[in-house]
Amino acid sequence: MRVTEYMKSLLLLLMFFLACNEPEKEQSSVINASDTVQTMEDTLIPAAQQIQPTLQQIDYSPQEKIIHTGNTTPAQLITYAQTLMGRPYKYASTDPAVGFDCSGFITHVFNHFNINVPRSSVDFTHVKRQINIGATKPGDIVLFTGTDSTIRDVGHMGIVTSNNNDTISFIHSSSGKANGVTITPLNKYYLGRFVKMLRIFPQNE
């Protein structure tokens, strides 16, 4: 009996020992798993941050537009534009039979030589390339604000026809007194509305 009771006591002691040590094993497993997850985060998160671009790395600048003039020369363009002198001003028109607005005139003249250009004057804002006004040559494009010069968005345009002794003239379709296609000097009024000068033809370089 004493042996049996001794064996029972030994068995109970063993079971108690095992029961007390089991949570330690589970806790150890949890700690090891947590360490593994932490190690993966330490490795993967910096790698992901290197791949993901920051706002400073993304280029949001407007893309410059290039007009391809082919074999057409500035002189050819201006000669044709001058044949349209006196055509009336007509809003939103590119049709010489009824008249032109300012960008409609530019569109028609360039399209006559199969040269694609933006349809509206404001769309010329990012056309390559801007030049200094003093370097202007015939065939360059001049951009102006609309009639309200305090609003600095492009709203009017013309084609430079000459630059003699720093006197620049341009051909355009005006809604003013001329009320149609005319050649105008870059006078004080238009200088107040001046936005930029664009070099279109490679021959002018």
N, C-alpha and C. Protein backbone atom coordinates (compact mmCIF):
# COMPACT_ATOMS: atom_id res chain seq x y z
N MET A 1 0.82 -1.20 0.00
CA MET A 1 0.00 0.00 0.00
C MET A 1 0.86 1.26 0.00
N ARG A 2 1.91 1.16 0.86
CA ARG A 2 2.78 2.32 0.92
C ARG A 2 3.47 2.57 -0.42
N VAL A 3 3.85 1.46 -1.10
CA VAL A 3 4.50 1.61 -2.41
C VAL A 3 3.53 2.23 -3.40
N THR A 4 2.29 1.76 -3.37
CA THR A 4 1.28 2.29 -4.30
C THR A 4 1.03 3.76 -4.05
N GLU A 5 0.90 4.11 -2.75
CA GLU A 5 0.68 5.51 -2.43
C GLU A 5 1.89 6.36 -2.82
N TYR A 6 3.08 5.79 -2.67
CA TYR A 6 4.29 6.49 -3.08
C TYR A 6 4.30 6.74 -4.57
N MET A 7 3.87 5.70 -5.32
CA MET A 7 3.84 5.83 -6.78
C MET A 7 2.81 6.88 -7.20
N LYS A 8 1.66 6.87 -6.50
CA LYS A 8 0.63 7.87 -6.82
C LYS A 8 1.15 9.28 -6.57
N SER A 9 1.80 9.41 -5.40
CA SER A 9 2.35 10.73 -5.08
C SER A 9 3.38 11.18 -6.10
N LEU A 10 4.21 10.21 -6.53
CA LEU A 10 5.24 10.54 -7.54
C LEU A 10 4.60 10.93 -8.86
N LEU A 11 3.51 10.18 -9.21
CA LEU A 11 2.82 10.47 -10.47
C LEU A 11 2.16 11.85 -10.41
N LEU A 12 1.51 12.14 -9.24
CA LEU A 12 0.89 13.46 -9.10
C LEU A 12 1.93 14.58 -9.17
N LEU A 13 3.08 14.36 -8.56
CA LEU A 13 4.15 15.35 -8.59
C LEU A 13 4.65 15.59 -10.01
N LEU A 14 4.74 14.49 -10.76
CA LEU A 14 5.19 14.61 -12.15
C LEU A 14 4.19 15.39 -12.99
N MET A 15 2.89 15.07 -12.79
CA MET A 15 1.84 15.77 -13.54
C MET A 15 1.82 17.25 -13.19
N PHE A 16 2.03 17.56 -11.88
CA PHE A 16 2.07 18.94 -11.45
C PHE A 16 3.23 19.69 -12.09
N PHE A 17 4.36 19.01 -12.16
CA PHE A 17 5.55 19.60 -12.76
C PHE A 17 5.32 19.92 -14.23
N LEU A 18 4.69 18.93 -14.91
CA LEU A 18 4.43 19.14 -16.34
C LEU A 18 3.42 20.27 -16.56
N ALA A 19 2.41 20.29 -15.68
CA ALA A 19 1.39 21.34 -15.82
C ALA A 19 1.97 22.72 -15.59
N CYS A 20 2.88 22.80 -14.64
CA CYS A 20 3.49 24.11 -14.34
C CYS A 20 4.41 24.58 -15.44
N ASN A 21 5.05 23.67 -16.13
CA ASN A 21 6.02 24.03 -17.16
C ASN A 21 5.39 24.23 -18.54
N GLU A 22 4.17 23.73 -18.77
CA GLU A 22 3.55 23.83 -20.09
C GLU A 22 3.31 25.28 -20.52
N PRO A 23 2.76 26.15 -19.68
CA PRO A 23 2.56 27.55 -20.09
C PRO A 23 3.85 28.24 -20.47
N GLU A 24 4.95 27.87 -19.78
CA GLU A 24 6.22 28.49 -20.12
C GLU A 24 6.63 28.16 -21.55
N LYS A 25 6.30 26.92 -21.98
CA LYS A 25 6.64 26.53 -23.35
C LYS A 25 5.80 27.31 -24.35
N GLU A 26 4.47 27.48 -24.01
CA GLU A 26 3.60 28.22 -24.92
C GLU A 26 4.05 29.68 -25.02
N GLN A 27 4.39 30.22 -23.84
CA GLN A 27 4.84 31.61 -23.82
C GLN A 27 6.10 31.78 -24.64
N SER A 28 6.98 30.80 -24.51
CA SER A 28 8.21 30.85 -25.28
C SER A 28 7.93 30.82 -26.76
N SER A 29 6.94 30.01 -27.17
CA SER A 29 6.59 29.91 -28.59
C SER A 29 6.03 31.24 -29.09
N VAL A 30 5.18 31.86 -28.24
CA VAL A 30 4.58 33.14 -28.63
C VAL A 30 5.66 34.20 -28.80
N ILE A 31 6.60 34.23 -27.89
CA ILE A 31 7.68 35.22 -27.95
C ILE A 31 8.51 35.02 -29.21
N ASN A 32 8.80 33.77 -29.51
CA ASN A 32 9.59 33.49 -30.71
C ASN A 32 8.85 33.91 -31.97
N ALA A 33 7.53 33.64 -32.00
CA ALA A 33 6.73 34.03 -33.17
C ALA A 33 6.71 35.54 -33.32
N SER A 34 6.55 36.25 -32.19
CA SER A 34 6.54 37.72 -32.22
C SER A 34 7.86 38.26 -32.71
N ASP A 35 8.93 37.65 -32.24
CA ASP A 35 10.26 38.08 -32.70
C ASP A 35 10.39 37.91 -34.20
N THR A 36 9.82 36.81 -34.72
CA THR A 36 9.90 36.54 -36.16
C THR A 36 9.14 37.59 -36.96
N VAL A 37 7.90 37.92 -36.46
CA VAL A 37 7.10 38.95 -37.14
C VAL A 37 7.82 40.29 -37.13
N GLN A 38 8.40 40.64 -35.98
CA GLN A 38 9.11 41.91 -35.87
C GLN A 38 10.29 41.97 -36.83
N THR A 39 10.99 40.85 -36.94
CA THR A 39 12.14 40.78 -37.84
C THR A 39 11.71 40.98 -39.28
N MET A 40 10.55 40.38 -39.66
CA MET A 40 10.04 40.55 -41.03
C MET A 40 9.65 41.99 -41.29
N GLU A 41 9.01 42.66 -40.28
CA GLU A 41 8.63 44.07 -40.45
C GLU A 41 9.87 44.95 -40.61
N ASP A 42 10.89 44.67 -39.80
CA ASP A 42 12.12 45.46 -39.88
C ASP A 42 12.77 45.34 -41.24
N THR A 43 12.55 44.21 -41.92
CA THR A 43 13.18 43.97 -43.22
C THR A 43 12.32 44.49 -44.36
N LEU A 44 10.98 44.22 -44.30
CA LEU A 44 10.11 44.51 -45.44
C LEU A 44 9.68 45.97 -45.51
N ILE A 45 9.39 46.60 -44.35
CA ILE A 45 8.88 47.97 -44.38
C ILE A 45 9.87 48.96 -44.99
N PRO A 46 11.17 48.94 -44.59
CA PRO A 46 12.13 49.85 -45.25
C PRO A 46 12.24 49.59 -46.74
N ALA A 47 12.15 48.30 -47.14
CA ALA A 47 12.24 47.98 -48.56
C ALA A 47 11.06 48.56 -49.31
N ALA A 48 9.85 48.46 -48.70
CA ALA A 48 8.66 49.02 -49.34
C ALA A 48 8.76 50.54 -49.44
N GLN A 49 9.33 51.17 -48.41
CA GLN A 49 9.47 52.62 -48.44
C GLN A 49 10.44 53.08 -49.52
N GLN A 50 11.43 52.25 -49.83
CA GLN A 50 12.37 52.60 -50.88
C GLN A 50 11.72 52.51 -52.25
N ILE A 51 10.79 51.56 -52.40
CA ILE A 51 10.13 51.36 -53.70
C ILE A 51 9.08 52.43 -53.95
N GLN A 52 8.30 52.78 -52.92
CA GLN A 52 7.22 53.73 -53.07
C GLN A 52 7.76 55.14 -53.29
N PRO A 53 7.38 55.83 -54.40
CA PRO A 53 7.89 57.19 -54.65
C PRO A 53 7.25 58.19 -53.71
N THR A 54 8.00 59.19 -53.35
CA THR A 54 7.46 60.28 -52.54
C THR A 54 6.88 61.33 -53.47
N LEU A 55 6.12 62.30 -52.89
CA LEU A 55 5.53 63.37 -53.69
C LEU A 55 6.59 64.18 -54.40
N GLN A 56 7.75 64.36 -53.75
CA GLN A 56 8.82 65.15 -54.35
C GLN A 56 9.42 64.45 -55.56
N GLN A 57 9.30 63.08 -55.60
CA GLN A 57 9.89 62.34 -56.71
C GLN A 57 8.98 62.31 -57.93
N ILE A 58 7.70 62.66 -57.77
CA ILE A 58 6.75 62.61 -58.88
C ILE A 58 6.78 63.95 -59.60
N ASP A 59 6.90 63.93 -60.92
CA ASP A 59 6.98 65.15 -61.72
C ASP A 59 5.59 65.54 -62.18
N TYR A 60 5.05 66.62 -61.61
CA TYR A 60 3.73 67.09 -61.99
C TYR A 60 3.80 68.28 -62.95
N SER A 61 4.97 68.60 -63.45
CA SER A 61 5.11 69.75 -64.33
C SER A 61 4.41 69.50 -65.66
N PRO A 62 3.81 70.53 -66.26
CA PRO A 62 3.12 70.35 -67.53
C PRO A 62 4.09 69.92 -68.62
N GLN A 63 3.62 69.02 -69.44
CA GLN A 63 4.50 68.53 -70.51
C GLN A 63 4.54 69.54 -71.65
N GLU A 64 5.74 69.87 -72.11
CA GLU A 64 5.89 70.81 -73.20
C GLU A 64 5.44 70.18 -74.52
N LYS A 65 4.80 71.00 -75.33
CA LYS A 65 4.30 70.53 -76.62
C LYS A 65 5.24 71.01 -77.71
N ILE A 66 5.49 70.14 -78.67
CA ILE A 66 6.38 70.48 -79.78
C ILE A 66 5.56 70.51 -81.07
N ILE A 67 5.73 71.59 -81.83
CA ILE A 67 5.07 71.71 -83.13
C ILE A 67 6.09 71.34 -84.20
N HIS A 68 5.74 70.38 -85.02
CA HIS A 68 6.63 69.92 -86.08
C HIS A 68 6.26 70.63 -87.39
N THR A 69 7.16 71.47 -87.87
CA THR A 69 6.87 72.31 -89.04
C THR A 69 7.33 71.70 -90.35
N GLY A 70 8.04 70.57 -90.29
CA GLY A 70 8.48 69.92 -91.52
C GLY A 70 9.38 70.81 -92.36
N ASN A 71 9.10 70.86 -93.66
CA ASN A 71 9.92 71.65 -94.58
C ASN A 71 9.39 73.07 -94.80
N THR A 72 8.28 73.39 -94.15
CA THR A 72 7.71 74.73 -94.30
C THR A 72 8.64 75.76 -93.67
N THR A 73 8.79 76.90 -94.37
CA THR A 73 9.66 77.97 -93.85
C THR A 73 8.81 79.08 -93.24
N PRO A 74 9.38 79.89 -92.37
CA PRO A 74 8.65 81.03 -91.83
C PRO A 74 8.14 81.97 -92.92
N ALA A 75 8.95 82.18 -93.95
CA ALA A 75 8.54 83.09 -95.04
C ALA A 75 7.30 82.57 -95.75
N GLN A 76 7.24 81.27 -95.99
CA GLN A 76 6.06 80.68 -96.64
C GLN A 76 4.82 80.87 -95.79
N LEU A 77 4.97 80.66 -94.49
CA LEU A 77 3.83 80.79 -93.58
C LEU A 77 3.31 82.22 -93.58
N ILE A 78 4.21 83.19 -93.48
CA ILE A 78 3.81 84.59 -93.42
C ILE A 78 3.18 85.04 -94.74
N THR A 79 3.77 84.61 -95.84
CA THR A 79 3.21 84.98 -97.16
C THR A 79 1.77 84.52 -97.28
N TYR A 80 1.50 83.29 -96.84
CA TYR A 80 0.12 82.79 -96.92
C TYR A 80 -0.77 83.55 -95.94
N ALA A 81 -0.29 83.80 -94.73
CA ALA A 81 -1.09 84.50 -93.73
C ALA A 81 -1.52 85.87 -94.24
N GLN A 82 -0.64 86.53 -94.98
CA GLN A 82 -0.95 87.88 -95.47
C GLN A 82 -2.00 87.87 -96.57
N THR A 83 -2.19 86.73 -97.23
CA THR A 83 -3.26 86.66 -98.24
C THR A 83 -4.64 86.70 -97.58
N LEU A 84 -4.69 86.51 -96.26
CA LEU A 84 -5.97 86.49 -95.54
C LEU A 84 -6.29 87.82 -94.89
N MET A 85 -5.48 88.84 -95.17
CA MET A 85 -5.70 90.18 -94.61
C MET A 85 -7.12 90.67 -94.93
N GLY A 86 -7.78 91.22 -93.91
CA GLY A 86 -9.11 91.78 -94.11
C GLY A 86 -10.24 90.79 -93.85
N ARG A 87 -9.93 89.50 -93.71
CA ARG A 87 -11.01 88.56 -93.37
C ARG A 87 -11.58 88.94 -92.02
N PRO A 88 -12.90 88.90 -91.86
CA PRO A 88 -13.53 89.41 -90.63
C PRO A 88 -13.23 88.55 -89.41
N TYR A 89 -13.42 89.17 -88.26
CA TYR A 89 -13.29 88.41 -87.01
C TYR A 89 -14.57 87.60 -86.82
N LYS A 90 -14.40 86.32 -86.52
CA LYS A 90 -15.54 85.44 -86.27
C LYS A 90 -15.19 84.49 -85.15
N TYR A 91 -15.90 84.63 -84.06
CA TYR A 91 -15.60 83.83 -82.87
C TYR A 91 -15.70 82.33 -83.17
N ALA A 92 -14.69 81.58 -82.70
CA ALA A 92 -14.65 80.11 -82.76
C ALA A 92 -14.60 79.56 -84.18
N SER A 93 -14.16 80.37 -85.15
CA SER A 93 -14.13 79.93 -86.54
C SER A 93 -12.71 79.76 -87.06
N THR A 94 -12.52 78.72 -87.85
CA THR A 94 -11.26 78.53 -88.60
C THR A 94 -11.52 78.60 -90.10
N ASP A 95 -12.70 79.01 -90.48
CA ASP A 95 -13.14 79.00 -91.88
C ASP A 95 -12.88 80.36 -92.53
N PRO A 96 -12.01 80.42 -93.54
CA PRO A 96 -11.72 81.71 -94.18
C PRO A 96 -12.93 82.30 -94.89
N ALA A 97 -13.91 81.48 -95.20
CA ALA A 97 -15.09 81.98 -95.90
C ALA A 97 -15.94 82.87 -94.99
N VAL A 98 -15.87 82.65 -93.68
CA VAL A 98 -16.69 83.44 -92.76
C VAL A 98 -15.84 84.29 -91.82
N GLY A 99 -14.56 83.96 -91.66
CA GLY A 99 -13.67 84.71 -90.80
C GLY A 99 -13.04 83.85 -89.72
N PHE A 100 -12.27 84.47 -88.84
CA PHE A 100 -11.51 83.75 -87.82
C PHE A 100 -11.57 84.46 -86.48
N ASP A 101 -11.45 83.67 -85.40
CA ASP A 101 -11.00 84.29 -84.17
C ASP A 101 -9.49 84.17 -84.14
N CYS A 102 -8.83 84.64 -83.07
CA CYS A 102 -7.36 84.73 -83.11
C CYS A 102 -6.70 83.36 -83.26
N SER A 103 -7.16 82.38 -82.47
CA SER A 103 -6.55 81.05 -82.58
C SER A 103 -7.04 80.31 -83.81
N GLY A 104 -8.24 80.63 -84.25
CA GLY A 104 -8.74 80.03 -85.49
C GLY A 104 -7.91 80.44 -86.69
N PHE A 105 -7.46 81.70 -86.68
CA PHE A 105 -6.58 82.18 -87.75
C PHE A 105 -5.25 81.43 -87.73
N ILE A 106 -4.65 81.31 -86.55
CA ILE A 106 -3.38 80.58 -86.42
C ILE A 106 -3.55 79.13 -86.87
N THR A 107 -4.63 78.51 -86.41
CA THR A 107 -4.89 77.10 -86.77
C THR A 107 -5.00 76.94 -88.27
N HIS A 108 -5.76 77.82 -88.92
CA HIS A 108 -5.95 77.71 -90.37
C HIS A 108 -4.64 77.89 -91.12
N VAL A 109 -3.86 78.88 -90.72
CA VAL A 109 -2.61 79.16 -91.44
C VAL A 109 -1.66 77.98 -91.34
N PHE A 110 -1.48 77.45 -90.14
CA PHE A 110 -0.57 76.32 -89.98
C PHE A 110 -1.12 75.04 -90.63
N ASN A 111 -2.42 74.83 -90.47
CA ASN A 111 -3.03 73.64 -91.07
C ASN A 111 -2.95 73.65 -92.59
N HIS A 112 -2.90 74.86 -93.18
CA HIS A 112 -2.74 74.98 -94.64
C HIS A 112 -1.46 74.26 -95.10
N PHE A 113 -0.46 74.20 -94.23
CA PHE A 113 0.79 73.52 -94.56
C PHE A 113 0.89 72.14 -93.86
N ASN A 114 -0.29 71.64 -93.47
CA ASN A 114 -0.37 70.34 -92.77
C ASN A 114 0.46 70.30 -91.49
N ILE A 115 0.49 71.43 -90.79
CA ILE A 115 1.17 71.53 -89.50
C ILE A 115 0.10 71.56 -88.40
N ASN A 116 0.14 70.59 -87.52
CA ASN A 116 -0.82 70.54 -86.43
C ASN A 116 -0.40 71.46 -85.29
N VAL A 117 -1.35 72.25 -84.82
CA VAL A 117 -1.10 73.16 -83.71
C VAL A 117 -2.27 73.08 -82.73
N PRO A 118 -2.08 73.51 -81.48
CA PRO A 118 -3.21 73.57 -80.54
C PRO A 118 -4.31 74.48 -81.08
N ARG A 119 -5.55 74.14 -80.78
CA ARG A 119 -6.67 74.91 -81.32
C ARG A 119 -6.91 76.22 -80.58
N SER A 120 -6.68 76.26 -79.28
CA SER A 120 -6.96 77.48 -78.53
C SER A 120 -5.66 78.20 -78.16
N SER A 121 -5.77 79.50 -77.93
CA SER A 121 -4.58 80.28 -77.59
C SER A 121 -3.98 79.84 -76.27
N VAL A 122 -4.81 79.52 -75.28
CA VAL A 122 -4.28 79.11 -73.98
C VAL A 122 -3.52 77.79 -74.07
N ASP A 123 -3.87 76.96 -75.05
CA ASP A 123 -3.16 75.69 -75.23
C ASP A 123 -1.75 75.88 -75.77
N PHE A 124 -1.42 77.09 -76.20
CA PHE A 124 -0.06 77.39 -76.64
C PHE A 124 0.86 77.72 -75.45
N THR A 125 0.31 77.77 -74.24
CA THR A 125 1.08 78.19 -73.07
C THR A 125 2.35 77.38 -72.90
N HIS A 126 2.28 76.07 -73.14
CA HIS A 126 3.42 75.20 -72.89
C HIS A 126 4.08 74.68 -74.18
N VAL A 127 3.84 75.37 -75.29
CA VAL A 127 4.51 74.99 -76.54
C VAL A 127 5.97 75.40 -76.47
N LYS A 128 6.87 74.51 -76.95
CA LYS A 128 8.29 74.85 -77.02
C LYS A 128 8.53 75.87 -78.11
N ARG A 129 9.46 76.75 -77.99
CA ARG A 129 10.10 77.07 -76.75
C ARG A 129 10.05 78.56 -76.58
N GLN A 130 10.07 79.05 -75.36
CA GLN A 130 10.02 80.48 -75.10
C GLN A 130 11.36 81.13 -75.42
N ILE A 131 11.30 82.32 -76.02
CA ILE A 131 12.51 83.06 -76.34
C ILE A 131 12.40 84.48 -75.80
N ASN A 132 13.54 85.13 -75.74
CA ASN A 132 13.57 86.53 -75.33
C ASN A 132 12.93 87.39 -76.42
N ILE A 133 12.18 88.37 -76.00
CA ILE A 133 11.48 89.21 -76.97
C ILE A 133 12.44 89.90 -77.92
N GLY A 134 13.65 90.20 -77.47
CA GLY A 134 14.62 90.87 -78.32
C GLY A 134 15.17 89.97 -79.42
N ALA A 135 15.01 88.64 -79.27
CA ALA A 135 15.51 87.69 -80.26
C ALA A 135 14.46 87.29 -81.28
N THR A 136 13.32 87.98 -81.25
CA THR A 136 12.19 87.62 -82.11
C THR A 136 12.51 87.70 -83.59
N LYS A 137 12.02 86.69 -84.33
CA LYS A 137 12.17 86.66 -85.78
C LYS A 137 10.81 86.38 -86.42
N PRO A 138 10.66 86.73 -87.72
CA PRO A 138 9.40 86.42 -88.41
C PRO A 138 9.10 84.92 -88.35
N GLY A 139 7.84 84.62 -88.05
CA GLY A 139 7.43 83.22 -87.92
C GLY A 139 7.27 82.78 -86.49
N ASP A 140 7.85 83.57 -85.55
CA ASP A 140 7.65 83.26 -84.14
C ASP A 140 6.21 83.58 -83.75
N ILE A 141 5.74 82.96 -82.66
CA ILE A 141 4.39 83.19 -82.17
C ILE A 141 4.45 84.09 -80.94
N VAL A 142 3.58 85.10 -80.91
CA VAL A 142 3.50 85.98 -79.76
C VAL A 142 2.18 85.74 -79.04
N LEU A 143 2.26 85.59 -77.71
CA LEU A 143 1.09 85.32 -76.88
C LEU A 143 0.78 86.52 -75.99
N PHE A 144 -0.52 86.81 -75.87
CA PHE A 144 -0.99 87.91 -75.04
C PHE A 144 -2.06 87.42 -74.07
N THR A 145 -2.35 88.26 -73.08
CA THR A 145 -3.53 88.02 -72.25
C THR A 145 -4.78 88.34 -73.08
N GLY A 146 -5.94 88.10 -72.48
CA GLY A 146 -7.16 88.61 -73.08
C GLY A 146 -7.22 90.12 -72.91
N THR A 147 -8.35 90.73 -73.19
CA THR A 147 -8.46 92.18 -73.12
C THR A 147 -8.27 92.70 -71.70
N ASP A 148 -8.52 91.86 -70.70
CA ASP A 148 -8.24 92.25 -69.31
C ASP A 148 -6.83 91.79 -68.97
N SER A 149 -5.89 92.72 -69.00
CA SER A 149 -4.48 92.37 -68.82
C SER A 149 -4.14 91.99 -67.38
N THR A 150 -5.07 92.23 -66.45
CA THR A 150 -4.80 91.82 -65.06
C THR A 150 -4.95 90.32 -64.88
N ILE A 151 -5.63 89.68 -65.80
CA ILE A 151 -5.75 88.21 -65.79
C ILE A 151 -4.66 87.70 -66.72
N ARG A 152 -3.64 87.06 -66.15
CA ARG A 152 -2.43 86.78 -66.91
C ARG A 152 -2.48 85.47 -67.69
N ASP A 153 -3.65 84.91 -67.87
CA ASP A 153 -3.78 83.73 -68.73
C ASP A 153 -3.73 84.16 -70.19
N VAL A 154 -3.21 83.28 -71.03
CA VAL A 154 -3.15 83.58 -72.46
C VAL A 154 -4.57 83.64 -73.02
N GLY A 155 -4.83 84.69 -73.81
CA GLY A 155 -6.16 84.85 -74.39
C GLY A 155 -6.13 85.41 -75.79
N HIS A 156 -4.93 85.70 -76.34
CA HIS A 156 -4.82 86.23 -77.71
C HIS A 156 -3.45 85.87 -78.23
N MET A 157 -3.32 85.86 -79.55
CA MET A 157 -2.04 85.46 -80.15
C MET A 157 -1.93 85.95 -81.58
N GLY A 158 -0.67 85.95 -82.08
CA GLY A 158 -0.42 86.35 -83.46
C GLY A 158 0.89 85.76 -83.94
N ILE A 159 1.18 85.98 -85.22
CA ILE A 159 2.43 85.50 -85.85
C ILE A 159 3.30 86.72 -86.15
N VAL A 160 4.52 86.70 -85.68
CA VAL A 160 5.43 87.82 -85.93
C VAL A 160 5.74 87.89 -87.43
N THR A 161 5.58 89.08 -88.01
CA THR A 161 5.85 89.28 -89.44
C THR A 161 7.18 90.00 -89.67
N SER A 162 7.62 90.79 -88.69
CA SER A 162 8.88 91.51 -88.87
C SER A 162 9.42 91.98 -87.53
N ASN A 163 10.75 92.21 -87.52
CA ASN A 163 11.41 92.81 -86.36
C ASN A 163 12.51 93.71 -86.91
N ASN A 164 12.13 94.96 -87.17
CA ASN A 164 13.06 95.92 -87.76
C ASN A 164 13.40 96.99 -86.74
N ASN A 165 14.70 97.08 -86.43
CA ASN A 165 15.16 98.07 -85.46
C ASN A 165 14.36 98.00 -84.17
N ASP A 166 14.14 96.77 -83.73
CA ASP A 166 13.40 96.49 -82.49
C ASP A 166 11.94 96.90 -82.55
N THR A 167 11.44 97.16 -83.74
CA THR A 167 10.01 97.38 -83.92
C THR A 167 9.39 96.09 -84.43
N ILE A 168 8.62 95.45 -83.59
CA ILE A 168 8.05 94.14 -83.91
C ILE A 168 6.62 94.32 -84.39
N SER A 169 6.29 93.64 -85.47
CA SER A 169 4.91 93.63 -85.97
C SER A 169 4.42 92.19 -86.04
N PHE A 170 3.12 92.02 -85.89
CA PHE A 170 2.56 90.68 -85.94
C PHE A 170 1.21 90.70 -86.65
N ILE A 171 0.87 89.57 -87.26
CA ILE A 171 -0.41 89.43 -87.95
C ILE A 171 -1.32 88.58 -87.07
N HIS A 172 -2.57 89.01 -86.97
CA HIS A 172 -3.52 88.32 -86.09
C HIS A 172 -4.94 88.66 -86.51
N SER A 173 -5.90 87.93 -85.96
CA SER A 173 -7.30 88.25 -86.19
C SER A 173 -7.81 88.97 -84.95
N SER A 174 -8.10 90.25 -85.11
CA SER A 174 -8.44 91.10 -83.98
C SER A 174 -9.95 91.33 -83.89
N SER A 175 -10.42 91.36 -82.65
CA SER A 175 -11.84 91.69 -82.43
C SER A 175 -12.01 93.18 -82.16
N GLY A 176 -10.91 93.93 -82.25
CA GLY A 176 -10.94 95.37 -82.00
C GLY A 176 -11.39 96.16 -83.21
N LYS A 177 -10.78 97.36 -83.38
CA LYS A 177 -11.18 98.25 -84.47
C LYS A 177 -11.04 97.61 -85.84
N ALA A 178 -9.96 96.89 -86.03
CA ALA A 178 -9.74 96.26 -87.34
C ALA A 178 -10.81 95.20 -87.62
N ASN A 179 -11.31 94.57 -86.56
CA ASN A 179 -12.36 93.56 -86.67
C ASN A 179 -12.06 92.52 -87.73
N GLY A 180 -10.85 91.99 -87.69
CA GLY A 180 -10.46 90.97 -88.65
C GLY A 180 -8.96 90.82 -88.70
N VAL A 181 -8.48 90.17 -89.76
CA VAL A 181 -7.05 89.89 -89.89
C VAL A 181 -6.31 91.17 -90.26
N THR A 182 -5.31 91.50 -89.45
CA THR A 182 -4.57 92.74 -89.65
C THR A 182 -3.15 92.58 -89.13
N ILE A 183 -2.27 93.49 -89.53
CA ILE A 183 -0.90 93.53 -89.00
C ILE A 183 -0.80 94.71 -88.03
N THR A 184 -0.28 94.44 -86.85
CA THR A 184 -0.25 95.44 -85.77
C THR A 184 1.15 95.51 -85.18
N PRO A 185 1.63 96.72 -84.88
CA PRO A 185 2.92 96.81 -84.17
C PRO A 185 2.76 96.41 -82.71
N LEU A 186 3.82 95.90 -82.13
CA LEU A 186 3.82 95.54 -80.71
C LEU A 186 3.97 96.84 -79.92
N ASN A 187 2.86 97.56 -79.83
CA ASN A 187 2.86 98.89 -79.22
C ASN A 187 2.66 98.80 -77.70
N LYS A 188 2.53 99.95 -77.07
CA LYS A 188 2.41 100.01 -75.62
C LYS A 188 1.23 99.19 -75.12
N TYR A 189 0.12 99.27 -75.84
CA TYR A 189 -1.08 98.54 -75.43
C TYR A 189 -0.82 97.04 -75.41
N TYR A 190 -0.24 96.54 -76.50
CA TYR A 190 0.00 95.09 -76.57
C TYR A 190 1.16 94.66 -75.68
N LEU A 191 2.11 95.53 -75.45
CA LEU A 191 3.18 95.19 -74.51
C LEU A 191 2.61 95.00 -73.10
N GLY A 192 1.56 95.76 -72.78
CA GLY A 192 0.91 95.60 -71.48
C GLY A 192 0.20 94.26 -71.36
N ARG A 193 -0.15 93.66 -72.49
CA ARG A 193 -0.81 92.36 -72.49
C ARG A 193 0.14 91.21 -72.84
N PHE A 194 1.40 91.55 -73.11
CA PHE A 194 2.37 90.55 -73.55
C PHE A 194 2.59 89.48 -72.48
N VAL A 195 2.60 88.20 -72.93
CA VAL A 195 2.88 87.08 -72.03
C VAL A 195 4.21 86.43 -72.36
N LYS A 196 4.38 86.01 -73.61
CA LYS A 196 5.65 85.38 -73.99
C LYS A 196 5.76 85.28 -75.50
N MET A 197 6.99 85.02 -75.95
CA MET A 197 7.30 84.82 -77.36
C MET A 197 7.75 83.37 -77.53
N LEU A 198 7.27 82.72 -78.58
CA LEU A 198 7.59 81.31 -78.81
C LEU A 198 8.33 81.11 -80.12
N ARG A 199 9.36 80.31 -80.08
CA ARG A 199 10.10 79.93 -81.27
C ARG A 199 9.52 78.61 -81.79
N ILE A 200 8.98 78.65 -83.02
CA ILE A 200 8.30 77.49 -83.60
C ILE A 200 9.16 76.82 -84.66
N PHE A 201 9.79 77.64 -85.51
CA PHE A 201 10.53 77.10 -86.66
C PHE A 201 12.01 76.89 -86.33
N PRO A 202 12.54 75.71 -86.62
CA PRO A 202 13.98 75.47 -86.40
C PRO A 202 14.87 76.36 -87.26
N GLN A 203 14.34 76.85 -88.40
CA GLN A 203 15.12 77.75 -89.26
C GLN A 203 15.45 79.06 -88.56
N ASN A 204 14.69 79.40 -87.53
CA ASN A 204 14.91 80.66 -86.82
C ASN A 204 15.98 80.55 -85.73
N GLU A 205 16.51 79.36 -85.51
CA GLU A 205 17.54 79.18 -84.48
C GLU A 205 18.86 79.78 -84.94
